[in-house]
Protein backbone atom coordinates (compact mmCIF):
# COMPACT_ATOMS: atom_id res chain seq x y z
CA MET A 1 16.41 -8.45 -3.67
CA THR A 2 17.44 -8.62 0.23
CA GLN A 3 20.79 -7.19 0.28
CA VAL A 4 23.40 -5.43 -2.26
CA ASN A 5 27.23 -5.38 -1.99
CA ALA A 6 29.33 -3.61 -4.56
CA ALA A 7 32.92 -3.09 -4.10
CA ILE A 8 36.09 -1.90 -5.97
CA ALA A 9 39.57 -2.37 -4.28
CA ASP A 10 41.09 0.91 -3.64
CA ALA A 11 44.27 0.18 -5.35
CA PHE A 12 42.18 -0.78 -8.49
CA ASP A 13 41.30 2.07 -11.14
CA PRO A 14 39.13 -0.09 -13.70
CA THR A 15 39.24 3.03 -16.02
CA SER A 16 43.16 2.88 -16.21
CA VAL A 17 43.40 -0.72 -17.20
CA ILE A 18 43.57 -1.61 -20.69
CA ASP A 19 42.61 -5.41 -20.30
CA LEU A 20 39.79 -5.92 -17.93
CA ALA A 21 39.00 -9.29 -19.94
CA GLY A 22 42.21 -10.31 -18.75
CA LEU A 23 41.09 -10.82 -14.94
CA GLU A 24 39.96 -13.93 -13.56
CA PHE A 25 36.03 -14.30 -13.29
CA ARG A 26 34.58 -16.28 -10.48
CA THR A 27 30.64 -16.78 -9.48
CA LEU A 28 28.73 -18.01 -6.62
CA VAL A 29 25.02 -19.14 -6.23
CA PHE A 30 23.43 -20.78 -3.54
CA VAL A 31 20.41 -21.40 -1.58
CA GLU A 32 20.72 -19.77 1.70
CA ARG A 33 17.56 -21.10 3.33
CA SER A 34 13.97 -21.70 2.57
CA GLN A 35 10.62 -20.82 4.40
CA SER A 36 6.95 -22.35 4.11
CA ILE A 37 4.10 -20.43 5.11
CA VAL A 38 1.26 -23.00 4.70
CA SER A 39 -2.53 -23.13 6.11
CA LYS A 40 -2.70 -26.00 8.29
CA SER A 41 -6.26 -26.68 7.05
CA GLU A 42 -5.69 -26.59 3.34
CA GLY A 43 -2.09 -26.95 2.80
CA THR A 44 -2.01 -23.82 0.65
CA GLY A 45 0.31 -20.98 1.04
CA LEU A 46 3.92 -19.57 0.16
CA PHE A 47 7.47 -20.96 -0.18
CA LYS A 48 10.05 -18.60 -0.06
CA VAL A 49 13.72 -19.34 -1.13
CA PHE A 50 16.71 -17.35 -0.42
CA PHE A 51 19.62 -17.06 -2.62
CA LYS A 52 22.97 -15.28 -2.56
CA PHE A 53 24.46 -14.88 -5.74
CA GLY A 54 28.12 -13.18 -6.35
CA ALA A 55 30.74 -12.47 -9.02
CA LYS A 56 34.45 -11.36 -8.18
CA TRP A 57 37.10 -10.51 -10.94
CA ALA A 58 40.69 -10.90 -9.40
CA ARG A 59 44.14 -10.49 -10.76
CA LEU A 60 45.60 -13.46 -12.10
CA HIS A 61 48.37 -15.08 -10.07
CA ASP A 62 51.77 -15.27 -11.81
CA THR A 63 52.82 -18.81 -11.07
CA ASP A 64 56.22 -18.57 -13.27
CA SER A 65 58.04 -16.04 -10.87
CA GLU A 66 58.86 -16.27 -7.60
CA PRO A 67 57.51 -13.67 -5.22
CA THR A 68 59.63 -10.80 -3.82
CA PRO A 69 60.22 -10.29 -0.22
CA ALA A 70 58.05 -7.26 -0.20
CA ALA A 71 55.18 -9.35 -1.91
CA LEU A 72 55.30 -11.94 0.94
CA GLU A 73 55.33 -9.21 3.39
CA THR A 74 52.16 -7.73 2.19
CA LYS A 75 50.39 -11.06 1.48
CA LEU A 76 46.82 -10.89 2.92
CA GLY A 77 45.39 -14.06 1.92
CA PRO A 78 43.22 -15.25 -1.08
CA GLU A 79 41.34 -12.14 -1.20
CA GLN A 80 44.17 -9.98 -1.92
CA ASN A 81 43.82 -10.28 -5.44
CA ASP A 82 40.04 -9.57 -5.70
CA VAL A 83 39.73 -6.28 -7.57
CA ILE A 84 35.94 -6.24 -8.12
CA THR A 85 33.10 -7.80 -5.86
CA ILE A 86 29.23 -7.65 -6.69
CA GLU A 87 27.07 -9.73 -4.65
CA CYS A 88 23.51 -9.68 -3.54
CA GLY A 89 20.67 -11.82 -1.79
CA ILE A 90 17.61 -12.62 -3.83
CA ALA A 91 14.22 -13.94 -2.00
CA ALA A 92 11.94 -15.81 -4.68
CA GLU A 93 8.22 -16.71 -3.53
CA PHE A 94 6.18 -19.45 -4.89
CA ALA A 95 2.58 -20.10 -4.34
CA LEU A 96 1.54 -23.24 -3.17
CA ALA A 97 -1.79 -24.73 -4.39
CA LYS A 98 -1.67 -27.85 -2.26
CA ARG A 99 0.21 -29.51 0.56
CA TYR A 100 3.77 -30.69 -0.26
CA LYS A 101 6.19 -32.97 1.17
CA GLN A 102 9.16 -31.25 3.08
CA THR A 103 11.43 -33.24 0.73
CA GLU A 104 9.78 -32.06 -2.45
CA LEU A 105 10.06 -28.33 -1.54
CA ASP A 106 13.70 -28.97 -0.49
CA ASP A 107 14.26 -30.45 -3.96
CA PHE A 108 12.60 -27.67 -5.79
CA ALA A 109 14.72 -25.21 -3.87
CA LEU A 110 18.04 -26.72 -4.48
CA THR A 111 17.39 -27.62 -8.29
CA ARG A 112 14.67 -25.42 -9.85
CA ALA A 113 13.91 -22.52 -8.20
CA VAL A 114 17.20 -20.89 -9.14
CA GLY A 115 16.14 -20.87 -12.99
CA PHE A 116 13.36 -18.27 -11.88
CA VAL A 117 15.55 -15.86 -10.23
CA VAL A 118 19.03 -16.16 -12.63
CA PRO A 119 17.53 -13.58 -15.20
CA TYR A 120 17.06 -10.91 -12.39
CA TRP A 121 20.69 -11.54 -11.02
CA ARG A 122 22.01 -11.16 -14.55
CA ASN A 123 20.18 -7.93 -15.04
CA PHE A 124 21.47 -6.55 -11.89
CA LEU A 125 24.95 -7.70 -12.31
CA ILE A 126 24.91 -5.90 -15.83
CA ALA A 127 23.42 -2.56 -14.32
CA GLN A 128 25.70 -2.89 -11.68
CA CYS A 129 28.88 -3.10 -14.12
CA ALA A 130 27.58 -0.26 -16.00
CA MET A 131 27.07 2.03 -12.79
CA MET A 132 30.46 1.12 -11.65
CA ARG A 133 31.93 2.00 -15.20
CA LEU A 134 33.10 -1.51 -15.68
CA GLN A 135 33.38 -2.15 -19.51
CA GLY A 136 35.12 -5.37 -21.19
CA LEU A 137 34.59 -7.51 -18.60
CA ALA A 138 33.88 -11.03 -19.13
CA ILE A 139 30.23 -11.79 -17.61
CA LEU A 140 28.80 -14.92 -17.00
CA ASP A 141 26.76 -17.04 -19.67
CA GLY A 142 24.02 -17.60 -17.34
CA ASN A 143 25.03 -21.23 -16.62
CA LEU A 144 25.36 -20.84 -12.91
CA THR A 145 24.57 -24.56 -11.82
CA SER A 146 27.32 -26.07 -14.29
CA GLU A 147 30.31 -28.06 -12.61
CA SER A 148 32.72 -25.21 -13.59
CA ASN A 149 31.34 -22.81 -10.89
CA ASN A 150 31.50 -25.32 -7.96
CA GLY A 151 29.50 -22.86 -6.00
CA ASN A 152 32.50 -21.01 -4.72
CA LEU A 153 33.72 -17.48 -5.03
């Protein structure tokens, strides 16, 4: 892990909320960057891929009712409804046994490398939820690369 961020909004107490499963759940996964450390003579070395993962739970927007004047005055933007945020960075290292083209490394980083680190992200997320005493939350099914996530929080 290269970084960790976990927060609960000040005005939100998860122990007093009856239906945590009623929160909107969003995930994030993307390759932040990659780095090759390769021997010039042999082409062997290391390939590092740096990932960012995140999960956010937010209050659902009530689209059927008009906002009150007080709600309009305190509206801070899309992040206002986020009540739980858990994020981390994970670096994965892969041994290079031969020389690869940069396009091959880029393709691996963007398509296949995530499969090696998702189990670590999932374990971290579950452990962090337990430490924050978050129970009854809907947690991702492990399919972080699906169309439904769109790579955005």
